[in-house]
Amino acid sequence: DKFARPHEESGTNSVVGGFCSLSTYLLLVIYLVVYVTSNLNQSFPTTTTIQVFPQKNSAEQINLPKITCLAEGGCWYKPTKGEGVRRVLNDTPENPPINDGENNGGNPPPNNDNNGGDNGGNPPPNNDNNGGDNGGNPPPPKNDNNGGDNGGNPPPPNNDNNGGDNGGNPPPPNNDGTPGGNDNNVNTGAGDDNACYYLKQGEAIPEDHRLIVHDSDPIDSFTAVWGDGQNFGLSYDVTTIKKAGLTLQTETIKGRTSLTEPFEGPLFQVYKGETLFSLVKTVGVNGEEVDTWTNTVMGEDGTADAEQNTCCNAPTTKNPATGETYSEAAYILSTGTGTSRCDENAQDGVYQVKIRPFPTYSKEEVQNPLDPITLWAALGGALATLDLAAGFLVQNVFGKFTGANE
């Protein structure tokens, strides 16, 4: 009879059965608290993938760690060379990189969009979209949309839509689509093959000059030079992950600023010759990124390349931190008459290092065990286990005990 009273097994409708059912949810809440607390007190799990290191035209850009000059006589360096590498016009925070035409002061005219300015930095009143000359007069009619020089003459035909300099010369061939040329007081930075920078002991290379790419041509490497007969000329900071949770907790080991200062702990220094830098990039659950760099010496021959190294014959150098231009003998490697300190038999010789990245790098992505999907799966598994345990106790333990007493 379908309307008959259902059969009730002895023990399943007991107080113990009800208590076990309610206890299942209480235990689930306790499990949730323990699960969240234990995960917050330890590092989250990570997944590792191998990535190809960016090349010149890659959208991704990676910088070397903070690098400091150790040599008492200072260090010379040229950033990664070649077309397609990020270009730095101004290194100070007060003068961020810009993409407009420069005048003699290195500043774009206020209303002169993408065109060369004049010596005063002011656009000519009636010179629509064209560069002005020294007197603010418009260039000749045939100079459409191009910067003028001091005489109001159009720049050479190959200088399309770019600012002219004092001589009307085009910018360097490797400077695609960016203003420049021979403008005064303009730091042409990492994209300029002719740029050489000088650091005093204890000064660090600015971040924009630490851009590094993987290139098959070793000539395009990040190169530094120092003297004083020191095998080690540079030091660098190393940042490690202490704990990867909701945020990345890091520890940074600072590089030393000279070889004579007292220093305790690990030393991360750059030896002359050729050095390979390896990267582990950690990405936190909130998108935060931390780069951990270490280096390996690949060659110990620190002979400077007098022909390929721009710094060896540069008549002037520039301090990227202060903007000072140096021409004194202590700040340049050229000794005149076609000789330099880079020459093999130079009396006051120097050592060179080329820094290159490993072709691939490891990417550690932190997985969040507390995200809703993961948490729901963990709670679902716990609930099923607790419910199974409670059913087993009621049915096989308390049920048999109650049935035996009836």
Foldseek 3Di string as FASTA:
>chain_A
DVPDDDDDFFLCPDPLVVVLVVVLVVVLVVVLVVVVVVQQVAFFDWDKDKFFFAALQDPDWDFDFKKFWAFQLWKKWAFQEFASADKFWAQDPVDGRDFAAQAQQGDAAPPQGLEHEENVNHAQPPAPQEYAAPVNDAAPPVQPNYHAENVSYAAPPVQPSEYAANVSYHQDPRPPSGHDRPRHLTQGGRHDLQAMAIDHQQDIDGGSRRIAGADPDLLSFIKMKHFPPDQWTMFGKFKDFPHAAQHTDIDIDGEDRYPPDDDDDDHATDGFDEKEKAWEWEAHPVRDIDIGIHIDDPDRQFQADCPSDSQFARQWHAHSVPSDIDRDPSGGQDPDPPGGLSDPPHPRHMGMYTYHYDRMHMYIYGDHCPPPVNSVVVSVVSSVVSVVVSVCCSVPPSSVVSVVVD
